[in-house]
Protein backbone atom coordinates (compact mmCIF):
# COMPACT_ATOMS: atom_id res chain seq x y z
CA MET A 1 -22.91 21.81 3.92
CA GLY A 2 -20.62 18.66 4.59
CA SER A 3 -18.60 17.84 7.61
CA LEU A 4 -15.30 18.53 5.72
CA ASP A 5 -16.32 21.47 3.80
CA GLY A 6 -13.04 23.69 3.42
CA LYS A 7 -10.63 20.64 4.23
CA VAL A 8 -7.99 19.47 1.99
CA ALA A 9 -7.36 15.69 1.71
CA VAL A 10 -4.24 14.24 0.33
CA VAL A 11 -4.99 10.51 -0.77
CA THR A 12 -2.44 8.11 -1.97
CA GLY A 13 -3.20 5.15 -3.80
CA ALA A 14 -6.21 6.84 -4.87
CA GLY A 15 -6.61 5.68 -8.67
CA GLN A 16 -8.54 2.79 -7.74
CA GLY A 17 -9.98 0.13 -5.03
CA VAL A 18 -9.75 1.36 -1.15
CA GLY A 19 -8.10 4.61 -2.07
CA GLN A 20 -10.74 5.80 -4.55
CA GLY A 21 -13.38 4.96 -2.38
CA ILE A 22 -12.04 6.91 0.55
CA ALA A 23 -11.33 10.03 -1.85
CA LEU A 24 -15.14 9.59 -2.93
CA ALA A 25 -16.49 9.54 0.78
CA LEU A 26 -14.46 12.67 1.50
CA ALA A 27 -15.22 14.37 -1.32
CA THR A 28 -19.30 13.51 -0.65
CA GLU A 29 -18.59 15.65 2.62
CA GLY A 30 -17.02 18.34 0.99
CA ALA A 31 -13.35 18.11 0.92
CA SER A 32 -11.08 19.14 -1.77
CA ILE A 33 -8.77 16.17 -2.99
CA ALA A 34 -5.17 15.71 -4.18
CA VAL A 35 -5.44 12.34 -6.26
CA LEU A 36 -2.16 10.58 -5.86
CA GLY A 37 -1.06 7.38 -7.57
CA ARG A 38 1.03 5.96 -10.42
CA THR A 39 -1.18 5.53 -13.20
CA PRO A 40 -2.30 9.38 -14.57
CA GLN A 41 -5.05 7.73 -16.61
CA LYS A 42 -6.67 6.36 -13.22
CA LEU A 43 -6.08 9.69 -11.31
CA GLU A 44 -8.03 11.33 -13.70
CA THR A 45 -10.76 8.98 -13.72
CA THR A 46 -11.03 9.37 -10.13
CA CYS A 47 -10.54 13.20 -10.14
CA GLU A 48 -13.72 13.31 -12.75
CA ARG A 49 -15.76 11.18 -10.25
CA LEU A 50 -14.78 13.57 -7.33
CA ARG A 51 -15.24 16.85 -9.61
CA ALA A 52 -19.12 15.16 -10.26
CA ARG A 53 -19.75 15.74 -6.39
CA GLY A 54 -19.07 19.28 -6.58
CA VAL A 55 -15.37 19.44 -5.49
CA LYS A 56 -12.06 20.37 -6.47
CA ALA A 57 -9.78 17.53 -7.36
CA GLU A 58 -6.19 17.37 -9.01
CA PRO A 59 -4.28 14.47 -9.93
CA PHE A 60 -0.59 14.13 -8.66
CA PRO A 61 1.20 11.15 -10.59
CA CYS A 62 3.95 10.03 -8.52
CA ASP A 63 5.44 6.68 -7.10
CA VAL A 64 5.50 6.91 -3.04
CA GLU A 65 8.63 4.91 -3.14
CA ASP A 66 10.50 8.03 -4.56
CA ILE A 67 11.01 9.03 -1.00
CA ASP A 68 13.39 11.94 -1.75
CA GLY A 69 10.75 13.45 -4.03
CA VAL A 70 7.88 13.35 -1.25
CA PRO A 71 8.67 16.84 0.52
CA ALA A 72 8.61 18.74 -2.79
CA LEU A 73 5.33 17.16 -3.86
CA VAL A 74 3.82 17.74 -0.64
CA GLU A 75 4.69 21.55 -0.95
CA ARG A 76 3.17 21.60 -4.60
CA ILE A 77 -0.06 20.11 -3.04
CA ALA A 78 -0.16 22.53 -0.33
CA ASP A 79 0.72 25.70 -2.71
CA HIS A 80 -2.15 24.25 -5.12
CA PHE A 81 -4.98 23.86 -2.83
CA GLY A 82 -3.58 26.51 -0.14
CA GLY A 83 -3.01 23.79 2.70
CA ILE A 84 -3.19 20.52 3.91
CA ASP A 85 -6.10 19.32 6.63
CA ILE A 86 -6.01 15.41 5.89
CA LEU A 87 -3.53 13.00 4.97
CA VAL A 88 -4.50 9.24 3.94
CA ASN A 89 -1.48 6.88 3.53
CA ASN A 90 -3.23 4.26 1.54
CA ALA A 91 -0.94 3.39 -0.99
CA TYR A 92 1.29 0.20 -0.65
CA SER A 93 3.23 -2.20 -2.91
CA GLY A 94 5.02 -5.39 -1.66
CA ALA A 95 5.74 -8.90 -2.01
CA PHE A 96 3.66 -12.03 -0.58
CA GLY A 97 4.94 -15.53 -0.09
CA PRO A 98 6.62 -17.75 2.40
CA LEU A 99 9.61 -16.00 4.06
CA LEU A 100 11.98 -18.26 2.35
CA SER A 101 10.96 -17.43 -1.16
CA LEU A 102 11.48 -13.55 -0.95
CA SER A 103 14.49 -11.90 -1.91
CA ASP A 104 16.05 -8.91 0.08
CA THR A 105 14.58 -6.53 -2.62
CA ASP A 106 11.06 -8.12 -2.51
CA PHE A 107 10.98 -7.74 1.38
CA GLN A 108 12.39 -4.08 1.37
CA GLN A 109 9.58 -2.86 -1.26
CA GLY A 110 7.01 -3.32 1.49
CA PHE A 111 9.16 -1.10 3.69
CA ARG A 112 9.70 1.63 0.88
CA SER A 113 6.00 1.84 -0.15
CA GLY A 114 5.01 1.37 3.42
CA PRO A 115 6.33 2.73 6.66
CA PHE A 116 9.10 4.77 5.04
CA ALA A 117 6.78 6.44 2.33
CA THR A 118 4.10 6.99 5.27
CA PHE A 119 6.98 8.65 7.41
CA ALA A 120 7.82 10.83 4.78
CA PHE A 121 4.18 12.11 3.83
CA MET A 122 3.57 12.58 7.44
CA LYS A 123 6.78 14.76 8.43
CA ALA A 124 6.01 16.70 5.13
CA ALA A 125 2.30 17.35 5.81
CA HIS A 126 3.03 18.01 9.58
CA PRO A 127 3.99 21.66 9.28
CA HIS A 128 0.94 22.53 6.97
CA MET A 129 -1.30 20.98 9.33
CA LYS A 130 0.24 22.81 12.35
CA ARG A 131 -0.11 26.01 10.59
CA ARG A 132 -3.93 25.40 10.27
CA GLY A 133 -4.49 24.57 13.64
CA GLY A 134 -4.29 20.85 13.25
CA GLY A 135 -5.23 18.29 11.03
CA VAL A 136 -5.95 14.19 10.52
CA VAL A 137 -3.56 11.59 9.51
CA VAL A 138 -5.28 8.25 8.70
CA ASN A 139 -2.75 5.39 7.88
CA LEU A 140 -3.73 1.93 6.38
CA VAL A 141 -2.76 -1.51 8.04
CA THR A 142 -3.92 -4.82 7.79
CA SER A 143 -5.61 -7.57 9.96
CA ALA A 144 -2.82 -9.76 8.89
CA MET A 145 -0.72 -8.42 11.53
CA VAL A 146 -2.98 -10.32 13.93
CA ARG A 147 -3.84 -13.09 11.39
CA TRP A 148 -4.10 -16.68 13.05
CA ASP A 149 -1.75 -18.08 10.20
CA PRO A 150 0.41 -15.18 9.02
CA SER A 151 2.05 -17.69 6.51
CA THR A 152 2.81 -15.97 3.29
CA TYR A 153 1.82 -12.47 4.73
CA GLY A 154 4.93 -11.93 6.78
CA ALA A 155 6.51 -9.33 4.97
CA TYR A 156 3.12 -7.63 4.55
CA ALA A 157 2.58 -7.86 8.04
CA ALA A 158 5.67 -6.79 9.10
CA ALA A 159 5.86 -3.36 7.15
CA LYS A 160 1.96 -2.53 8.26
CA THR A 161 3.10 -3.38 12.03
CA ALA A 162 5.66 -0.57 11.65
CA ILE A 163 3.10 1.83 10.13
CA ARG A 164 1.11 0.70 13.22
CA SER A 165 3.60 1.73 15.58
CA LEU A 166 4.40 4.73 13.67
CA THR A 167 0.74 5.79 14.11
CA ARG A 168 0.75 5.55 17.62
CA THR A 169 4.27 7.44 18.13
CA ALA A 170 2.90 10.29 15.96
CA ALA A 171 -0.23 10.35 17.94
CA ASN A 172 1.40 11.01 21.26
CA GLU A 173 4.20 13.48 19.72
CA TRP A 174 1.72 15.45 17.78
CA GLY A 175 -1.25 15.57 19.82
CA PRO A 176 0.07 19.14 21.12
CA ASP A 177 -0.21 20.35 17.48
CA GLY A 178 -3.79 19.64 17.38
CA ILE A 179 -2.91 16.56 15.06
CA ARG A 180 -4.80 13.24 15.42
CA VAL A 181 -3.19 10.12 13.94
CA ASN A 182 -5.26 6.74 13.61
CA ALA A 183 -4.67 3.90 11.50
CA VAL A 184 -7.63 1.23 10.06
CA ALA A 185 -7.36 -2.23 9.31
CA PRO A 186 -9.92 -2.85 6.17
CA HIS A 187 -11.27 -5.44 4.39
CA ALA A 188 -12.54 -4.10 1.10
CA VAL A 189 -13.56 -5.14 -2.24
CA SER A 190 -11.01 -3.91 -4.62
CA PRO A 191 -9.15 -4.68 -8.05
CA ALA A 192 -6.78 -6.90 -6.40
CA TYR A 193 -9.67 -8.70 -4.36
CA GLU A 194 -11.59 -9.35 -7.19
CA LYS A 195 -8.76 -10.83 -9.00
CA TRP A 196 -7.79 -13.16 -5.96
CA GLN A 197 -11.31 -14.11 -5.74
CA ALA A 198 -11.75 -15.17 -9.52
CA ALA A 199 -8.71 -17.08 -9.14
CA HIS A 200 -9.50 -18.95 -5.91
CA PRO A 201 -13.39 -19.14 -5.75
CA GLU A 202 -13.51 -21.55 -2.91
CA GLU A 203 -10.65 -20.17 -0.71
CA ALA A 204 -12.62 -16.75 -1.15
CA ALA A 205 -15.96 -18.06 -0.25
CA ALA A 206 -14.33 -19.59 3.06
CA PHE A 207 -12.89 -16.37 3.84
CA CYS A 208 -16.17 -14.51 3.27
CA ALA A 209 -17.81 -17.20 5.71
CA SER A 210 -15.11 -16.25 8.34
CA ILE A 211 -16.27 -12.66 8.56
CA PRO A 212 -19.20 -12.34 11.16
CA LEU A 213 -21.11 -9.90 8.96
CA GLY A 214 -20.79 -12.01 6.18
CA TYR A 215 -19.32 -9.90 3.24
CA VAL A 216 -16.15 -8.00 2.29
CA GLY A 217 -16.83 -4.26 2.56
CA ASP A 218 -17.21 -1.81 -0.09
CA SER A 219 -14.64 0.78 -0.50
CA GLU A 220 -16.55 3.89 -0.08
CA GLN A 221 -19.53 3.08 1.88
CA ASP A 222 -17.94 0.72 4.41
CA ILE A 223 -14.37 2.05 4.29
CA GLY A 224 -14.60 5.53 3.14
CA ARG A 225 -17.32 6.59 5.26
CA ALA A 226 -15.26 5.20 8.50
CA VAL A 227 -12.46 7.51 7.30
CA VAL A 228 -14.67 10.10 7.30
CA MET A 229 -15.85 9.54 10.63
CA LEU A 230 -12.30 9.49 11.72
CA CYS A 231 -11.47 12.88 9.79
CA GLY A 232 -14.36 14.79 11.20
CA PRO A 233 -15.71 16.34 14.61
CA ASP A 234 -17.33 13.38 16.03
CA ALA A 235 -14.07 11.84 16.33
CA ARG A 236 -12.02 14.41 17.76
CA TYR A 237 -10.92 13.03 20.72
CA LEU A 238 -9.74 9.89 19.27
CA THR A 239 -6.25 9.25 18.44
CA GLY A 240 -3.59 6.47 18.38
CA ALA A 241 -6.20 4.19 17.74
CA THR A 242 -6.25 1.14 15.10
CA VAL A 243 -9.72 0.77 14.13
CA PRO A 244 -10.60 -2.62 12.45
CA LEU A 245 -12.59 -2.28 9.33
CA ASP A 246 -13.36 -6.06 8.67
CA GLY A 247 -16.63 -7.12 9.77
CA GLY A 248 -15.59 -8.42 12.90
CA GLN A 249 -13.29 -10.65 11.60
CA ALA A 250 -9.84 -9.69 13.40
CA ASN A 251 -9.00 -9.68 17.05
CA PHE A 252 -6.79 -6.89 18.03
CA ASP A 253 -6.65 -7.45 21.68
């Protein structure tokens, strides 16, 4: 028996990296998983790994920037699984660089895939969670929001700050419906991180040295397991919070 037996979780950006790690951790506790992302082959690979852990998993290829398509997609997921209990908004696609180097399109992309998509999925999932007596939303943000030097992270931090604010507001408004809403700000090994590490080994080493626990987190064991805790009964009184999952590096005070 797992702590999430009988629950249905929707995880965006679950084809690889952090999203996949979160999906695997949720599955280990018995949750069925709707696996969302842009690349069907990656989604199927994740589903195969989830099914190997004895849970139901189904791929739903999509681009979260297709905001207008979100309500119908969420309805399909709810129909397929019989409901929705957990929503993890992980997918994000946006530009990095000095502010003056970014076009309006670059800047806006992070908001479409970030707070706009997050809001659309939250709003669409709300009635399904309420119908089942409550649910849990976990939104991914970033320590770049409080980074000591936000240079080149401005667009990213702005989009994620909007998600953090959205998280707090929904926690207050949806608490009476039994829906808890929290955010996590992770540092995790992912394909993007590994690519950056290979291209900038000295900078990556300095980055790791600035983390008190001394390493970048594992997507399943460090990030996914924390999300499991947030989704389970042990966190039943926690809502509206931003939880740093970064080995102690960031200061969110």
